[in-house]
Structures are given as structure tokens and as C-alpha cells.
Protein backbone atom coordinates (compact mmCIF):
# COMPACT_ATOMS: atom_id res chain seq x y z
CA MET A 1 121.17 108.50 1.81
CA SER A 2 117.55 107.47 1.24
CA GLN A 3 115.89 107.94 -2.13
CA PRO A 4 112.98 110.35 -2.64
CA PHE A 5 109.47 108.94 -2.86
CA ALA A 6 108.91 109.44 -6.61
CA THR A 7 110.58 110.41 -9.88
CA PHE A 8 108.73 112.53 -12.44
CA ILE A 9 109.51 111.54 -16.04
CA ILE A 10 109.08 114.27 -18.67
CA PRO A 11 109.63 113.39 -22.35
CA SER A 12 110.33 116.62 -24.21
CA LEU A 13 110.43 118.03 -27.72
CA GLY A 14 112.18 121.13 -26.41
CA ARG A 15 109.01 123.22 -26.31
CA PRO A 16 109.03 126.49 -24.30
CA SER A 17 106.21 125.04 -22.17
CA LEU A 18 108.72 122.62 -20.63
CA GLN A 19 109.80 125.27 -18.13
CA LYS A 20 106.22 125.58 -16.85
CA ALA A 21 106.00 121.79 -16.47
CA ILE A 22 109.23 121.73 -14.47
CA LYS A 23 108.13 124.70 -12.37
CA SER A 24 104.92 122.86 -11.44
CA ILE A 25 107.05 120.03 -10.05
CA GLN A 26 109.26 122.44 -8.15
CA ASP A 27 106.11 124.02 -6.67
CA GLN A 28 105.03 120.78 -4.98
CA ASP A 29 104.08 121.27 -1.34
CA ASP A 30 106.01 118.05 -0.64
CA GLY A 31 109.61 118.17 -1.86
CA ASP A 32 110.20 114.40 -1.73
CA TRP A 33 110.83 113.98 -5.47
CA GLN A 34 113.30 113.79 -8.34
CA ALA A 35 112.69 114.63 -12.01
CA ILE A 36 114.18 113.37 -15.27
CA VAL A 37 113.71 115.23 -18.54
CA SER A 38 114.43 113.18 -21.67
CA PHE A 39 114.88 115.16 -24.89
CA ASP A 40 113.69 113.35 -28.00
CA HIS A 41 116.55 113.48 -30.54
CA LEU A 42 117.56 116.87 -29.18
CA PRO A 43 120.47 118.05 -27.03
CA PRO A 44 119.25 118.84 -23.51
CA SER A 45 118.39 122.47 -23.00
CA GLU A 46 119.45 124.41 -19.93
CA MET A 47 117.82 123.08 -16.77
CA PRO A 48 117.00 124.94 -13.54
CA ASP A 49 119.73 124.99 -10.92
CA ASP A 50 118.14 122.16 -8.94
CA GLN A 51 120.04 118.98 -8.07
CA ARG A 52 116.79 117.02 -8.07
CA ILE A 53 116.43 117.52 -11.85
CA SER A 54 118.50 115.71 -14.48
CA ALA A 55 118.34 115.68 -18.27
CA TYR A 56 119.24 113.15 -20.96
CA ARG A 57 119.08 112.86 -24.73
CA PHE A 58 117.05 110.03 -26.29
CA ASP A 59 118.12 108.86 -29.74
CA GLY A 60 116.14 105.64 -29.96
CA GLY A 61 117.22 102.09 -29.25
CA GLU A 62 117.02 98.52 -30.44
CA SER A 63 115.06 96.98 -27.58
CA SER A 64 111.32 96.38 -27.71
CA ARG A 65 110.94 99.12 -25.10
CA GLU A 66 112.77 101.76 -27.13
CA GLY A 67 112.91 100.67 -30.76
CA TYR A 68 109.80 102.34 -32.15
CA ARG A 69 109.00 105.88 -33.17
CA SER A 70 105.67 106.30 -31.38
CA ARG A 71 106.72 108.97 -28.94
CA PRO A 72 106.61 109.87 -26.10
CA GLY A 73 106.11 106.27 -24.93
CA ALA A 74 109.51 105.11 -26.19
CA VAL A 75 111.19 108.03 -24.42
CA ARG A 76 109.51 107.12 -21.12
CA ASN A 77 110.53 103.49 -21.58
CA HIS A 78 114.15 104.50 -22.05
CA VAL A 79 114.34 106.79 -19.02
CA VAL A 80 113.19 104.18 -16.48
CA LYS A 81 116.72 102.75 -16.28
CA TYR A 82 117.82 105.96 -14.56
CA VAL A 83 115.07 105.82 -11.92
CA LYS A 84 115.98 104.76 -8.37
CA THR A 85 112.78 105.68 -6.53
CA ASP A 86 109.92 103.34 -5.68
CA TRP A 87 107.35 105.35 -7.66
CA ILE A 88 107.35 106.87 -11.15
CA ALA A 89 104.99 109.69 -12.17
CA PHE A 90 104.50 110.92 -15.74
CA LEU A 91 104.16 114.48 -17.02
CA ASP A 92 104.19 115.77 -20.60
CA ASP A 93 106.19 118.89 -21.38
CA ASP A 94 103.13 120.97 -22.33
CA ASP A 95 101.13 120.11 -19.19
CA ILE A 96 101.39 121.00 -15.50
CA ILE A 97 100.45 119.45 -12.17
CA SER A 98 98.95 121.02 -9.07
CA PRO A 99 101.05 121.55 -5.91
CA ASP A 100 99.26 118.73 -4.06
CA TYR A 101 100.12 116.01 -6.63
CA LEU A 102 102.88 114.28 -4.66
CA ARG A 103 101.07 114.63 -1.34
CA ARG A 104 97.97 113.00 -2.85
CA LEU A 105 100.09 110.29 -4.46
CA LYS A 106 101.63 109.35 -1.12
CA ALA A 107 98.18 109.00 0.42
CA ASP A 108 96.72 106.97 -2.48
CA ALA A 109 99.83 104.83 -2.98
CA ARG A 110 99.18 102.71 0.08
CA ASP A 111 98.31 99.13 -0.97
CA ASN A 112 98.15 100.11 -4.66
CA ASP A 113 100.42 99.56 -7.68
CA VAL A 114 98.99 102.32 -9.86
CA VAL A 115 97.34 105.64 -8.96
CA VAL A 116 95.29 107.35 -11.69
CA PHE A 117 94.56 111.02 -11.01
CA ARG A 118 91.86 113.08 -12.71
CA MET A 119 93.07 115.34 -15.51
CA MET A 120 91.39 118.62 -16.48
CA TYR A 121 91.16 120.11 -19.98
CA PRO A 122 91.67 123.83 -20.67
CA ASP A 123 87.92 124.49 -21.01
CA MET A 124 87.56 123.55 -17.29
CA VAL A 125 84.59 121.37 -18.25
CA ARG A 126 86.07 118.14 -19.55
CA PHE A 127 88.00 115.87 -17.24
CA LEU A 128 89.14 112.24 -17.19
CA PRO A 129 88.53 109.62 -15.91
CA LYS A 130 84.81 110.23 -15.47
CA PRO A 131 83.02 109.20 -12.24
CA GLY A 132 81.85 105.62 -12.11
CA LEU A 133 84.47 104.24 -14.48
CA ARG A 134 85.48 100.74 -13.40
CA VAL A 135 88.89 99.26 -14.10
CA GLU A 136 87.41 96.36 -16.05
CA LYS A 137 85.47 98.79 -18.29
CA MET A 138 88.39 101.01 -19.31
CA GLY A 139 89.03 101.72 -22.99
CA ILE A 140 90.84 104.11 -25.32
CA GLY A 141 89.95 107.70 -24.54
CA CYS A 142 88.80 107.09 -20.98
CA LEU A 143 92.05 108.24 -19.37
CA GLY A 144 95.35 109.93 -20.15
CA ILE A 145 98.88 110.02 -18.78
CA SER A 146 97.79 111.41 -15.39
CA TYR A 147 99.01 108.41 -13.42
CA ALA A 148 101.90 107.05 -11.40
CA VAL A 149 103.17 103.46 -11.09
CA ARG A 150 105.49 101.55 -8.83
CA LYS A 151 108.91 101.16 -10.43
CA HIS A 152 109.02 97.39 -10.06
CA VAL A 153 105.76 97.28 -12.04
CA PHE A 154 107.11 99.48 -14.85
CA ASP A 155 110.26 97.35 -14.98
CA LYS A 156 108.08 94.48 -16.24
CA HIS A 157 105.63 96.44 -18.39
CA PHE A 158 106.10 99.33 -20.81
CA PHE A 159 104.41 101.69 -23.23
CA ARG A 160 103.69 99.98 -26.55
CA PRO A 161 103.55 101.59 -30.01
CA GLY A 162 100.29 102.65 -31.53
CA ARG A 163 97.26 104.74 -30.70
CA GLY A 164 96.27 104.93 -27.06
CA ALA A 165 99.65 104.07 -25.54
CA ASP A 166 98.69 105.66 -22.20
CA TRP A 167 95.60 103.49 -21.95
CA GLY A 168 97.50 100.47 -23.32
CA LEU A 169 99.87 100.36 -20.37
CA ILE A 170 96.98 100.50 -17.91
CA ARG A 171 95.25 97.72 -19.87
CA ASP A 172 98.34 95.51 -19.55
CA LEU A 173 98.59 96.24 -15.83
CA ARG A 174 94.93 95.39 -15.39
CA LYS A 175 95.45 92.05 -17.13
CA SER A 176 98.37 91.38 -14.78
CA LYS A 177 96.07 91.90 -11.78
CA MET A 178 97.85 95.03 -10.54
CA LYS A 179 95.99 97.11 -7.98
CA ILE A 180 94.79 100.25 -9.73
CA LYS A 181 93.40 103.17 -7.76
CA PHE A 182 91.25 105.91 -9.33
CA SER A 183 91.99 108.92 -7.18
CA ASP A 184 89.28 111.45 -6.37
CA TYR A 185 91.74 114.32 -6.83
CA VAL A 186 92.29 116.53 -9.86
CA THR A 187 96.05 117.07 -10.06
CA TYR A 188 96.91 117.05 -13.78
CA PHE A 189 96.14 119.97 -16.12
CA ILE A 190 96.42 119.64 -19.89
CA ARG A 191 98.09 122.56 -21.69
CA TYR A 192 97.55 124.94 -18.77
CA LYS A 193 99.94 127.84 -18.25
CA CYS A 194 99.47 128.06 -14.49
CA ILE A 195 97.27 127.04 -11.57
CA ASP A 196 95.37 130.27 -10.95
CA ASP A 197 92.42 131.06 -8.68
CA ARG A 198 89.88 130.04 -11.32
CA THR A 199 91.56 126.68 -11.74
CA ILE A 200 91.70 126.08 -8.00
CA ARG A 201 87.99 126.83 -7.65
CA ARG A 202 87.10 124.46 -10.45
CA LYS A 203 89.44 121.79 -9.05
CA THR A 204 87.73 122.13 -5.67
CA GLU A 205 84.27 121.83 -7.26
CA VAL A 206 85.12 118.67 -9.17
CA GLU A 207 86.84 117.06 -6.18
CA ALA A 208 83.81 117.79 -3.99
CA MET A 209 81.60 116.14 -6.61
CA LEU A 210 83.88 113.10 -6.80
CA ALA A 211 83.80 112.73 -3.02
CA ALA A 212 80.00 112.94 -3.03
CA TYR A 213 79.75 110.45 -5.89
CA ALA A 214 81.99 108.01 -4.04
CA LYS A 215 79.42 107.99 -1.22
CA ASP A 216 76.33 107.88 -3.44
CA SER A 217 76.75 106.79 -7.07
CA SER A 218 73.10 107.54 -7.85
CA ILE A 219 73.64 111.30 -7.84
CA ASP A 220 73.64 113.29 -11.08
CA TRP A 221 77.28 114.35 -11.00
CA ARG A 222 76.98 116.41 -14.19
CA ALA A 223 74.32 118.57 -12.59
CA MET A 224 76.46 119.00 -9.48
CA ILE A 225 79.22 120.73 -11.43
CA HIS A 226 77.01 122.12 -14.21
CA VAL A 227 78.62 120.25 -17.11
CA ALA A 228 76.65 121.20 -20.22
CA PRO A 229 75.65 118.71 -22.92
CA CYS A 230 77.95 118.50 -25.92
CA GLY A 231 77.74 121.59 -28.12
CA GLN A 232 76.14 123.84 -25.51
CA PRO A 233 77.82 126.55 -23.41
CA ALA A 234 79.18 125.33 -20.11
CA ARG A 235 77.42 126.42 -16.93
CA PHE A 236 79.25 126.66 -13.63
CA LEU A 237 78.34 126.76 -10.00
CA PRO A 238 77.49 130.19 -8.52
CA GLY A 239 80.60 132.24 -7.93
CA PHE A 240 82.65 130.51 -10.59
CA LYS A 241 83.41 132.54 -13.70
CA PRO A 242 85.54 130.87 -16.42
């Protein structure tokens, strides 16, 4: 029996929001996935009746991958030994992904080792990575955990302790000359409860801007999606009401 395309890894503190994170995976319009939930020093809670989802308890370890208390990186490092798929995608237990995540990953995965999706904040204004960011110019705060990596890559690299662990892994992969793709799709939503009509409209706006910027980097992308300067109310395109 062939393996699915990707495994979603969810480190969890047992928060109620975990069920929404899992549901967003189950709602993928491509069902070619597995998911592993790793509970940090907690017994696994009840999981949905879905054979594609498994749960484990993480109690720390002695290896350099697991033996530090800067979570959730250590939890992700531990879980990789259970992964059999070619790709690994990461999701925190208080975030959700859009239904097109896996479909977009399959398209962007060709000839790449890492795919970094855009992530949207709850205010529907802030998102990362910003347009025009180049791999060689990445730094702390320029991206989050909204990415997927090939398993054979993660077998050789891992999340390290300290601030900016999400960025740190990408930095190490960049140094190792891995092929990193910045996707023009917004598929990761930080602390969202659901993907509603407002969110879909904003997602569509930002993706249209990213596509336009990819063709002409001289455009004022902030004006295209009405992103207000810091400290001022956000303005949106006509028809969009936050």
C-alpha cells in the first residue's frame, strides 16, 4: 500500500483549539495525507475516528533533537521518527489551514525541498512572508511555521532551541543549499477559529496581489490590498468588510 503524500505534525498542549486544527486538516480538498498529534508531557486526548490521525505522548529525550525544553520544536523533532511520507507539514494546535493547503503543496513541491506558504494574522492585515523577501535576506520575524519540508531533509536537520526556532531551521536549510520555494498562496491562519467568507475574500485579495507582484515587483503591493501604516486603521478593497 502506497504512503500518502504528506504528514501533518501538530505539537499540542491539549488546548481546546486542537480540534479546530485537526478539523482543518480533515477539510482538505485533497485527502492524500496523514496527521500525527504529539502531546507535550500530557496523555493523548481523544482523537477523531479517523485512521489517518495518530497521537503520541512526548516526555522529552536525551538526544540533541529532543533534549531541550524549548517547545514545540523538540516535540516536532521527536515525532519525525513516526513519519513515513515523503513530505512533512507543520501546524500548531491553535492555528488552522485552508482547504487548499495540500493541493497547493503538491503543485509547489516539484523540484523543491521546502515550500513556505504565506500565513495570515487574525487582523487580516498582517501576513508573512512579505512580498519581495529573498531567501538570502531572511531573518528572525520574517516567517513562521507555515512551511513543509521533504522528510529526508528533516532527517538531517532539526529545530534548535532558542528564539526564532521556526526561522532557524529555514536558515540551516538555506546554508545547506536546499531549494526553498516561497509560495504565492495564503494557506496558514494564526489563531483563527474557522475559514469563513471574510477570510476567503481576504485570502483571494492577497493571493491576487502576490501573483501581480511576481510579474512586476515595482508595484506598490501595500496599496493594492490597502494595508495601512502602523498604528492606523486598516483599509480594505471595496466590498471587503472586516
